[in-house]
């Protein structure tokens, strides 16, 4: 793994070698490259995180997919209180992503009897707004191998708390991604794979969250959790880190269309003011 939304009627694919357009950070002379296909996409309203891979512009979220690892580098989307008012039922229509060539994507057989869950990055529970939105979350490009006790335990609890945050604040942006870290917490190459397509197993997962308050102010939260066989102790709040820490591990740049001074201030804080217990 390299260290480092506009609703569209169709899914577009863009490789980073294609043309980009540029947006200015308010209050800064630094221009950030925004892939042309993502221009005006509400899911990256506050900035494109960067990274190397295949960009998949879904109708309800955006993926940066690492073809060599058959998993997403990150998935990002905008979530509002209104989005959570739907009643669509979970359909479990797991399937490979037809927008990624065979041999560069995960297949259902890769997960079979692997001991790992197909862990959503954009969770199904955030997309009850419609049957279409719910179904779109079941592409394997939106998933990575997760240990069952993580996926069905504290990680699921974190996802529930993120929805509660959206209901409370009204509008949030979420980036969920994969990490490969050694025992000292330093970035490393993947060492564990599943299936005949060699789907990489992340050692950790992260979430970076930007809240937009009704008065226009912002707040950030971030979490890192280990993808281990035994259950993680404690509560999601115990795994809070700074957004800056995730950026240092990944080489990504989250929420970079905020004013530079605000971005720097919010990203540097380990925000323990998580509203859920």
C-alpha atoms as a PDB file:
ATOM      1  CA  UNK A   1       0.000   0.000   0.000  1.00  0.00           C
ATOM      2  CA  UNK A   2       1.385   3.384  -0.921  1.00  0.00           C
ATOM      3  CA  UNK A   3       2.120   5.660   2.000  1.00  0.00           C
ATOM      4  CA  UNK A   4       0.753   8.044   1.733  1.00  0.00           C
ATOM      5  CA  UNK A   5     -20.121  13.067  -3.997  1.00  0.00           C
ATOM      6  CA  UNK A   6     -22.793  15.448  -6.559  1.00  0.00           C
ATOM      7  CA  UNK A   7     -25.052  12.490  -7.226  1.00  0.00           C
ATOM      8  CA  UNK A   8     -24.153  11.005 -10.597  1.00  0.00           C
ATOM      9  CA  UNK A   9     -26.468   8.738 -12.556  1.00  0.00           C
ATOM     10  CA  UNK A  10     -23.598   6.494 -13.578  1.00  0.00           C
ATOM     11  CA  UNK A  11     -20.370   5.288 -12.038  1.00  0.00           C
ATOM     12  CA  UNK A  12     -17.263   6.822 -13.599  1.00  0.00           C
ATOM     13  CA  UNK A  13     -13.720   5.553 -13.304  1.00  0.00           C
ATOM     14  CA  UNK A  14     -10.742   7.868 -13.291  1.00  0.00           C
ATOM     15  CA  UNK A  15      -7.088   7.007 -13.013  1.00  0.00           C
ATOM     16  CA  UNK A  16      -4.802   9.609 -11.488  1.00  0.00           C
ATOM     17  CA  UNK A  17      -2.937   9.972 -14.762  1.00  0.00           C
ATOM     18  CA  UNK A  18      -5.967  11.749 -16.216  1.00  0.00           C
ATOM     19  CA  UNK A  19      -6.413  15.555 -16.220  1.00  0.00           C
ATOM     20  CA  UNK A  20      -7.098  17.394 -13.007  1.00  0.00           C
ATOM     21  CA  UNK A  21      -8.569  20.765 -12.192  1.00  0.00           C
ATOM     22  CA  UNK A  22      -7.454  23.047  -9.399  1.00  0.00           C
ATOM     23  CA  UNK A  23      -9.223  24.614  -6.453  1.00  0.00           C
ATOM     24  CA  UNK A  24      -7.755  27.236  -4.177  1.00  0.00           C
ATOM     25  CA  UNK A  25      -7.689  26.848  -0.427  1.00  0.00           C
ATOM     26  CA  UNK A  26      -9.531  29.889   0.911  1.00  0.00           C
ATOM     27  CA  UNK A  27      -6.901  32.121   2.565  1.00  0.00           C
ATOM     28  CA  UNK A  28      -3.978  30.250   0.938  1.00  0.00           C
ATOM     29  CA  UNK A  29      -2.107  30.556  -2.345  1.00  0.00           C
ATOM     30  CA  UNK A  30      -1.596  26.782  -2.468  1.00  0.00           C
ATOM     31  CA  UNK A  31      -3.695  25.032  -5.125  1.00  0.00           C
ATOM     32  CA  UNK A  32      -4.837  21.435  -4.604  1.00  0.00           C
ATOM     33  CA  UNK A  33      -5.410  19.128  -7.572  1.00  0.00           C
ATOM     34  CA  UNK A  34      -8.969  17.832  -7.760  1.00  0.00           C
ATOM     35  CA  UNK A  35      -9.537  15.019 -10.288  1.00  0.00           C
ATOM     36  CA  UNK A  36     -11.771  16.401 -13.021  1.00  0.00           C
ATOM     37  CA  UNK A  37     -14.440  13.719 -12.595  1.00  0.00           C
ATOM     38  CA  UNK A  38     -14.894  14.832  -8.975  1.00  0.00           C
ATOM     39  CA  UNK A  39     -15.456  18.513  -9.693  1.00  0.00           C
ATOM     40  CA  UNK A  40     -18.504  19.648  -7.714  1.00  0.00           C
ATOM     41  CA  UNK A  41     -18.911  16.276  -5.989  1.00  0.00           C
ATOM     42  CA  UNK A  42     -20.461  16.924  -2.583  1.00  0.00           C
ATOM     43  CA  UNK A  43     -18.745  13.912  -1.064  1.00  0.00           C
ATOM     44  CA  UNK A  44     -15.419  15.755  -1.333  1.00  0.00           C
ATOM     45  CA  UNK A  45     -16.764  19.244  -0.629  1.00  0.00           C
ATOM     46  CA  UNK A  46     -13.939  19.862   1.824  1.00  0.00           C
ATOM     47  CA  UNK A  47     -11.144  18.385  -0.260  1.00  0.00           C
ATOM     48  CA  UNK A  48      -9.776  15.379  -2.096  1.00  0.00           C
ATOM     49  CA  UNK A  49      -7.529  13.330   0.248  1.00  0.00           C
ATOM     50  CA  UNK A  50      -5.067  12.242  -2.443  1.00  0.00           C
ATOM     51  CA  UNK A  51      -3.329   8.911  -2.834  1.00  0.00           C
ATOM     52  CA  UNK A  52      -2.466   6.656  -5.765  1.00  0.00           C
ATOM     53  CA  UNK A  53      -5.053   4.309  -7.222  1.00  0.00           C
ATOM     54  CA  UNK A  54      -8.237   3.900  -9.237  1.00  0.00           C
ATOM     55  CA  UNK A  55     -10.917   6.461  -8.456  1.00  0.00           C
ATOM     56  CA  UNK A  56     -14.421   5.010  -8.493  1.00  0.00           C
ATOM     57  CA  UNK A  57     -17.131   7.678  -8.432  1.00  0.00           C
ATOM     58  CA  UNK A  58     -20.223   5.944  -7.164  1.00  0.00           C
ATOM     59  CA  UNK A  59     -23.586   7.635  -6.939  1.00  0.00           C
ATOM     60  CA  UNK A  60     -23.491   7.820  -3.142  1.00  0.00           C
ATOM     61  CA  UNK A  61     -19.787   7.743  -2.250  1.00  0.00           C
ATOM     62  CA  UNK A  62     -16.258   7.870  -3.680  1.00  0.00           C
ATOM     63  CA  UNK A  63     -13.583   5.140  -3.521  1.00  0.00           C
ATOM     64  CA  UNK A  64      -9.840   5.213  -4.070  1.00  0.00           C
ATOM     65  CA  UNK A  65      -9.114   1.575  -4.889  1.00  0.00           C
ATOM     66  CA  UNK A  66      -5.673  -0.031  -4.824  1.00  0.00           C
ATOM     67  CA  UNK A  67      -5.864  -2.570  -7.607  1.00  0.00           C
ATOM     68  CA  UNK A  68      -2.609  -4.278  -6.598  1.00  0.00           C
ATOM     69  CA  UNK A  69      -4.076  -5.017  -3.137  1.00  0.00           C
ATOM     70  CA  UNK A  70      -7.716  -5.562  -4.242  1.00  0.00           C
ATOM     71  CA  UNK A  71      -8.987  -3.283  -1.465  1.00  0.00           C
ATOM     72  CA  UNK A  72      -9.879   0.393  -1.074  1.00  0.00           C
ATOM     73  CA  UNK A  73      -7.263   2.830   0.137  1.00  0.00           C
ATOM     74  CA  UNK A  74     -10.102   5.015   1.355  1.00  0.00           C
ATOM     75  CA  UNK A  75     -13.846   5.605   0.917  1.00  0.00           C
ATOM     76  CA  UNK A  76     -15.461   8.985   1.542  1.00  0.00           C
ATOM     77  CA  UNK A  77     -19.020  10.311   1.670  1.00  0.00           C
ATOM     78  CA  UNK A  78     -21.261  13.046   3.060  1.00  0.00           C
ATOM     79  CA  UNK A  79     -23.842  11.972   5.635  1.00  0.00           C
ATOM     80  CA  UNK A  80     -26.758  14.089   6.851  1.00  0.00           C
ATOM     81  CA  UNK A  81     -29.541  13.665   9.357  1.00  0.00           C
ATOM     82  CA  UNK A  82     -32.011  13.434   6.458  1.00  0.00           C
ATOM     83  CA  UNK A  83     -30.019  10.595   4.875  1.00  0.00           C
ATOM     84  CA  UNK A  84     -30.686   8.473   7.946  1.00  0.00           C
ATOM     85  CA  UNK A  85     -34.464   8.852   7.795  1.00  0.00           C
ATOM     86  CA  UNK A  86     -34.879   6.138   5.149  1.00  0.00           C
ATOM     87  CA  UNK A  87     -36.223   2.652   5.762  1.00  0.00           C
ATOM     88  CA  UNK A  88     -34.419   0.548   3.162  1.00  0.00           C
ATOM     89  CA  UNK A  89     -33.584  -2.916   4.467  1.00  0.00           C
ATOM     90  CA  UNK A  90     -30.133  -4.433   4.330  1.00  0.00           C
ATOM     91  CA  UNK A  91     -30.032  -6.724   1.288  1.00  0.00           C
ATOM     92  CA  UNK A  92     -26.600  -8.398   1.577  1.00  0.00           C
ATOM     93  CA  UNK A  93     -26.098  -8.323  -2.210  1.00  0.00           C
ATOM     94  CA  UNK A  94     -22.346  -8.783  -1.962  1.00  0.00           C
ATOM     95  CA  UNK A  95     -20.726  -8.733  -5.417  1.00  0.00           C
ATOM     96  CA  UNK A  96     -17.504  -7.836  -7.191  1.00  0.00           C
ATOM     97  CA  UNK A  97     -17.300  -4.354  -8.680  1.00  0.00           C
ATOM     98  CA  UNK A  98     -17.842  -4.510 -12.465  1.00  0.00           C
ATOM     99  CA  UNK A  99     -15.965  -1.216 -12.837  1.00  0.00           C
ATOM    100  CA  UNK A 100     -12.697  -2.924 -11.893  1.00  0.00           C
ATOM    101  CA  UNK A 101     -11.185  -5.462 -14.309  1.00  0.00           C
ATOM    102  CA  UNK A 102     -11.086  -9.118 -13.305  1.00  0.00           C
ATOM    103  CA  UNK A 103      -7.700  -9.843 -11.768  1.00  0.00           C
ATOM    104  CA  UNK A 104      -7.512  -6.385 -10.188  1.00  0.00           C
ATOM    105  CA  UNK A 105     -10.462  -6.774  -7.848  1.00  0.00           C
ATOM    106  CA  UNK A 106     -11.653  -8.956  -4.999  1.00  0.00           C
ATOM    107  CA  UNK A 107     -14.073 -11.781  -5.763  1.00  0.00           C
ATOM    108  CA  UNK A 108     -16.603 -13.462  -3.472  1.00  0.00           C
ATOM    109  CA  UNK A 109     -14.510 -16.639  -3.445  1.00  0.00           C
ATOM    110  CA  UNK A 110     -11.548 -14.772  -1.955  1.00  0.00           C
ATOM    111  CA  UNK A 111     -13.424 -14.265   1.312  1.00  0.00           C
ATOM    112  CA  UNK A 112     -14.997 -17.726   1.460  1.00  0.00           C
ATOM    113  CA  UNK A 113     -13.650 -19.730   4.435  1.00  0.00           C
ATOM    114  CA  UNK A 114     -10.940 -17.107   4.952  1.00  0.00           C
ATOM    115  CA  UNK A 115     -11.790 -16.338   8.569  1.00  0.00           C
ATOM    116  CA  UNK A 116     -12.403 -12.694   7.634  1.00  0.00           C
ATOM    117  CA  UNK A 117     -15.592 -10.678   7.195  1.00  0.00           C
ATOM    118  CA  UNK A 118     -16.261  -8.500   4.167  1.00  0.00           C
ATOM    119  CA  UNK A 119     -15.897  -5.291   6.135  1.00  0.00           C
ATOM    120  CA  UNK A 120     -17.724  -2.252   4.754  1.00  0.00           C
ATOM    121  CA  UNK A 121     -15.844   1.043   4.590  1.00  0.00           C
ATOM    122  CA  UNK A 122     -19.039   2.953   3.815  1.00  0.00           C
ATOM    123  CA  UNK A 123     -21.396   0.952   6.070  1.00  0.00           C
ATOM    124  CA  UNK A 124     -24.774  -0.223   4.839  1.00  0.00           C
ATOM    125  CA  UNK A 125     -26.459   1.356   7.854  1.00  0.00           C
ATOM    126  CA  UNK A 126     -25.541   4.833   6.595  1.00  0.00           C
ATOM    127  CA  UNK A 127     -27.415   4.294   3.309  1.00  0.00           C
ATOM    128  CA  UNK A 128     -30.973   3.384   4.302  1.00  0.00           C
ATOM    129  CA  UNK A 129     -32.192   6.374   2.278  1.00  0.00           C
ATOM    130  CA  UNK A 130     -33.096   4.071  -0.643  1.00  0.00           C
ATOM    131  CA  UNK A 131     -32.803   0.493  -1.906  1.00  0.00           C
ATOM    132  CA  UNK A 132     -30.411   1.755  -4.585  1.00  0.00           C
ATOM    133  CA  UNK A 133     -28.112   3.429  -2.064  1.00  0.00           C
ATOM    134  CA  UNK A 134     -28.165   0.387   0.194  1.00  0.00           C
ATOM    135  CA  UNK A 135     -27.334  -1.954  -2.675  1.00  0.00           C
ATOM    136  CA  UNK A 136     -24.414   0.185  -3.808  1.00  0.00           C
ATOM    137  CA  UNK A 137     -22.588  -0.369  -0.516  1.00  0.00           C
ATOM    138  CA  UNK A 138     -22.277  -4.104  -1.233  1.00  0.00           C
ATOM    139  CA  UNK A 139     -19.635  -3.824  -3.952  1.00  0.00           C
ATOM    140  CA  UNK A 140     -16.485  -5.594  -2.776  1.00  0.00           C
ATOM    141  CA  UNK A 141     -14.560  -2.455  -3.773  1.00  0.00           C
ATOM    142  CA  UNK A 142     -16.141  -0.879  -0.677  1.00  0.00           C
ATOM    143  CA  UNK A 143     -14.784  -3.639   1.564  1.00  0.00           C
ATOM    144  CA  UNK A 144     -11.617  -5.026   3.083  1.00  0.00           C
ATOM    145  CA  UNK A 145     -10.946  -8.169   5.144  1.00  0.00           C
ATOM    146  CA  UNK A 146     -11.904  -7.520   8.768  1.00  0.00           C
ATOM    147  CA  UNK A 147     -11.665  -9.813  11.722  1.00  0.00           C
ATOM    148  CA  UNK A 148     -15.189 -10.782  12.852  1.00  0.00           C
ATOM    149  CA  UNK A 149     -14.658  -9.573  16.414  1.00  0.00           C
ATOM    150  CA  UNK A 150     -13.719  -6.160  15.080  1.00  0.00           C
ATOM    151  CA  UNK A 151     -16.344  -5.894  12.344  1.00  0.00           C
ATOM    152  CA  UNK A 152     -19.192  -7.132  14.537  1.00  0.00           C
ATOM    153  CA  UNK A 153     -17.899  -5.564  17.733  1.00  0.00           C
ATOM    154  CA  UNK A 154     -16.313  -2.208  18.513  1.00  0.00           C
ATOM    155  CA  UNK A 155     -16.064  -1.149  14.849  1.00  0.00           C
ATOM    156  CA  UNK A 156     -19.799  -1.674  14.394  1.00  0.00           C
ATOM    157  CA  UNK A 157     -20.350   0.315  17.587  1.00  0.00           C
ATOM    158  CA  UNK A 158     -18.256   3.148  16.149  1.00  0.00           C
ATOM    159  CA  UNK A 159     -20.360   3.110  12.974  1.00  0.00           C
ATOM    160  CA  UNK A 160     -23.523   3.400  15.085  1.00  0.00           C
ATOM    161  CA  UNK A 161     -22.024   6.327  16.983  1.00  0.00           C
ATOM    162  CA  UNK A 162     -21.075   8.059  13.735  1.00  0.00           C
ATOM    163  CA  UNK A 163     -24.728   7.865  12.677  1.00  0.00           C
ATOM    164  CA  UNK A 164     -25.756   9.329  16.027  1.00  0.00           C
ATOM    165  CA  UNK A 165     -23.279  12.148  15.431  1.00  0.00           C
ATOM    166  CA  UNK A 166     -24.816  12.876  12.010  1.00  0.00           C
ATOM    167  CA  UNK A 167     -28.284  12.946  13.557  1.00  0.00           C
ATOM    168  CA  UNK A 168     -27.076  15.353  16.237  1.00  0.00           C
ATOM    169  CA  UNK A 169     -24.899  17.669  14.134  1.00  0.00           C
ATOM    170  CA  UNK A 170     -26.887  17.391  10.919  1.00  0.00           C
ATOM    171  CA  UNK A 171     -24.042  17.220   8.377  1.00  0.00           C
ATOM    172  CA  UNK A 172     -20.730  15.327   8.483  1.00  0.00           C
ATOM    173  CA  UNK A 173     -18.081  14.080   6.047  1.00  0.00           C
ATOM    174  CA  UNK A 174     -16.457  10.710   6.697  1.00  0.00           C
ATOM    175  CA  UNK A 175     -13.286   9.152   5.294  1.00  0.00           C
ATOM    176  CA  UNK A 176     -12.706   5.485   6.178  1.00  0.00           C
ATOM    177  CA  UNK A 177      -9.544   3.701   5.140  1.00  0.00           C
ATOM    178  CA  UNK A 178      -7.049   0.909   5.497  1.00  0.00           C
ATOM    179  CA  UNK A 179      -3.620   0.867   7.145  1.00  0.00           C
ATOM    180  CA  UNK A 180      -0.632  -1.468   7.223  1.00  0.00           C
ATOM    181  CA  UNK A 181       1.400  -0.868  10.371  1.00  0.00           C
ATOM    182  CA  UNK A 182       4.146  -2.814  12.118  1.00  0.00           C
ATOM    183  CA  UNK A 183       4.326  -3.499  15.854  1.00  0.00           C
ATOM    184  CA  UNK A 184       5.865  -0.068  16.421  1.00  0.00           C
ATOM    185  CA  UNK A 185       3.069   1.688  14.554  1.00  0.00           C
ATOM    186  CA  UNK A 186       5.119   2.481  11.466  1.00  0.00           C
ATOM    187  CA  UNK A 187       3.863   2.008   7.922  1.00  0.00           C
ATOM    188  CA  UNK A 188       4.864  -1.268   6.283  1.00  0.00           C
ATOM    189  CA  UNK A 189       4.075  -3.390   3.237  1.00  0.00           C
ATOM    190  CA  UNK A 190       1.129  -5.824   3.437  1.00  0.00           C
ATOM    191  CA  UNK A 191       2.122  -9.235   4.758  1.00  0.00           C
ATOM    192  CA  UNK A 192      -1.162 -11.171   4.912  1.00  0.00           C
ATOM    193  CA  UNK A 193      -3.413 -11.993   1.953  1.00  0.00           C
ATOM    194  CA  UNK A 194      -6.543 -14.065   1.364  1.00  0.00           C
ATOM    195  CA  UNK A 195      -7.953 -15.884  -1.655  1.00  0.00           C
ATOM    196  CA  UNK A 196      -6.568 -16.711  -5.065  1.00  0.00           C
ATOM    197  CA  UNK A 197      -6.629 -13.006  -5.961  1.00  0.00           C
ATOM    198  CA  UNK A 198      -4.350 -12.161  -3.000  1.00  0.00           C
ATOM    199  CA  UNK A 199      -6.630  -9.662  -1.284  1.00  0.00           C
ATOM    200  CA  UNK A 200      -4.501  -7.755   1.231  1.00  0.00           C
ATOM    201  CA  UNK A 201      -5.503  -7.834   4.904  1.00  0.00           C
ATOM    202  CA  UNK A 202      -5.047  -4.462   6.629  1.00  0.00           C
ATOM    203  CA  UNK A 203      -3.501  -4.433  10.085  1.00  0.00           C
ATOM    204  CA  UNK A 204      -5.623  -1.416  11.088  1.00  0.00           C
ATOM    205  CA  UNK A 205      -8.572   0.689   9.959  1.00  0.00           C
ATOM    206  CA  UNK A 206      -9.214   4.406  10.445  1.00  0.00           C
ATOM    207  CA  UNK A 207     -11.985   6.968  10.279  1.00  0.00           C
ATOM    208  CA  UNK A 208     -11.538  10.721   9.888  1.00  0.00           C
ATOM    209  CA  UNK A 209     -14.675  12.814  10.406  1.00  0.00           C
ATOM    210  CA  UNK A 210     -15.462  16.468   9.756  1.00  0.00           C
ATOM    211  CA  UNK A 211     -18.563  17.957  11.384  1.00  0.00           C
ATOM    212  CA  UNK A 212     -20.244  21.068   9.979  1.00  0.00           C
ATOM    213  CA  UNK A 213     -22.167  22.826  12.728  1.00  0.00           C
ATOM    214  CA  UNK A 214     -25.314  24.842  12.024  1.00  0.00           C
ATOM    215  CA  UNK A 215     -23.395  28.077  12.710  1.00  0.00           C
ATOM    216  CA  UNK A 216     -20.778  27.203  10.083  1.00  0.00           C
ATOM    217  CA  UNK A 217     -18.062  26.150  12.499  1.00  0.00           C
ATOM    218  CA  UNK A 218     -16.295  22.792  12.245  1.00  0.00           C
ATOM    219  CA  UNK A 219     -15.026  19.984  14.428  1.00  0.00           C
ATOM    220  CA  UNK A 220     -12.903  16.918  13.612  1.00  0.00           C
ATOM    221  CA  UNK A 221     -12.619  13.435  15.068  1.00  0.00           C
ATOM    222  CA  UNK A 222     -10.403  10.510  14.113  1.00  0.00           C
ATOM    223  CA  UNK A 223     -10.023   6.868  15.147  1.00  0.00           C
ATOM    224  CA  UNK A 224      -7.619   3.997  14.491  1.00  0.00           C
ATOM    225  CA  UNK A 225      -8.469   0.395  15.427  1.00  0.00           C
ATOM    226  CA  UNK A 226      -6.364  -2.732  15.091  1.00  0.00           C
ATOM    227  CA  UNK A 227      -7.660  -5.528  12.879  1.00  0.00           C
ATOM    228  CA  UNK A 228      -6.882  -8.360  15.273  1.00  0.00           C
ATOM    229  CA  UNK A 229      -8.400 -11.723  16.054  1.00  0.00           C
ATOM    230  CA  UNK A 230      -9.290 -10.971  19.675  1.00  0.00           C
ATOM    231  CA  UNK A 231     -11.812  -8.295  20.578  1.00  0.00           C
ATOM    232  CA  UNK A 232     -10.488  -4.820  21.275  1.00  0.00           C
ATOM    233  CA  UNK A 233     -11.166  -3.726  24.859  1.00  0.00           C
ATOM    234  CA  UNK A 234     -13.012  -0.595  25.888  1.00  0.00           C
ATOM    235  CA  UNK A 235     -15.147   1.785  23.857  1.00  0.00           C
ATOM    236  CA  UNK A 236     -14.655   3.547  20.521  1.00  0.00           C
ATOM    237  CA  UNK A 237     -13.756   6.714  22.401  1.00  0.00           C
ATOM    238  CA  UNK A 238     -10.638   4.933  23.684  1.00  0.00           C
ATOM    239  CA  UNK A 239      -9.235   4.826  20.129  1.00  0.00           C
ATOM    240  CA  UNK A 240      -9.382   8.530  19.316  1.00  0.00           C
ATOM    241  CA  UNK A 241      -6.317   9.977  17.568  1.00  0.00           C
ATOM    242  CA  UNK A 242      -5.639  13.227  15.734  1.00  0.00           C
ATOM    243  CA  UNK A 243      -6.452  13.591  12.048  1.00  0.00           C
ATOM    244  CA  UNK A 244      -2.864  14.728  11.632  1.00  0.00           C
ATOM    245  CA  UNK A 245      -1.607  11.378  12.932  1.00  0.00           C
ATOM    246  CA  UNK A 246      -3.521   9.511  10.214  1.00  0.00           C
ATOM    247  CA  UNK A 247      -2.169  11.918   7.621  1.00  0.00           C
ATOM    248  CA  UNK A 248       1.378  11.214   8.776  1.00  0.00           C
ATOM    249  CA  UNK A 249       0.808   7.469   8.469  1.00  0.00           C
ATOM    250  CA  UNK A 250      -0.821   7.616   5.027  1.00  0.00           C
ATOM    251  CA  UNK A 251       0.565  10.671   3.282  1.00  0.00           C
ATOM    252  CA  UNK A 252      -3.018  11.822   2.652  1.00  0.00           C
ATOM    253  CA  UNK A 253      -4.375  15.327   3.260  1.00  0.00           C
ATOM    254  CA  UNK A 254      -7.904  15.385   4.660  1.00  0.00           C
ATOM    255  CA  UNK A 255     -10.381  18.276   4.512  1.00  0.00           C
ATOM    256  CA  UNK A 256      -7.818  20.488   2.785  1.00  0.00           C
ATOM    257  CA  UNK A 257     -10.343  22.967   1.396  1.00  0.00           C
ATOM    258  CA  UNK A 258     -10.978  24.348   4.842  1.00  0.00           C
ATOM    259  CA  UNK A 259      -9.169  27.578   5.596  1.00  0.00           C
ATOM    260  CA  UNK A 260      -5.565  26.619   6.171  1.00  0.00           C
ATOM    261  CA  UNK A 261      -5.445  27.979   9.716  1.00  0.00           C
ATOM    262  CA  UNK A 262      -8.653  26.149  10.671  1.00  0.00           C
ATOM    263  CA  UNK A 263      -7.528  22.910   9.041  1.00  0.00           C
ATOM    264  CA  UNK A 264      -4.175  22.960  10.825  1.00  0.00           C
ATOM    265  CA  UNK A 265      -5.751  23.764  14.184  1.00  0.00           C
ATOM    266  CA  UNK A 266      -8.442  21.079  14.011  1.00  0.00           C
ATOM    267  CA  UNK A 267      -6.198  18.349  12.606  1.00  0.00           C
ATOM    268  CA  UNK A 268      -3.587  18.711  15.322  1.00  0.00           C
ATOM    269  CA  UNK A 269      -6.023  18.031  18.178  1.00  0.00           C
ATOM    270  CA  UNK A 270      -6.740  14.621  19.687  1.00  0.00           C
ATOM    271  CA  UNK A 271     -10.422  15.451  20.145  1.00  0.00           C
ATOM    272  CA  UNK A 272     -11.694  13.449  23.122  1.00  0.00           C
ATOM    273  CA  UNK A 273     -14.996  15.351  23.084  1.00  0.00           C
ATOM    274  CA  UNK A 274     -16.625  12.386  21.303  1.00  0.00           C
ATOM    275  CA  UNK A 275     -20.336  12.734  22.115  1.00  0.00           C
ATOM    276  CA  UNK A 276     -21.023   8.993  22.437  1.00  0.00           C
ATOM    277  CA  UNK A 277     -19.835   6.618  25.138  1.00  0.00           C
END
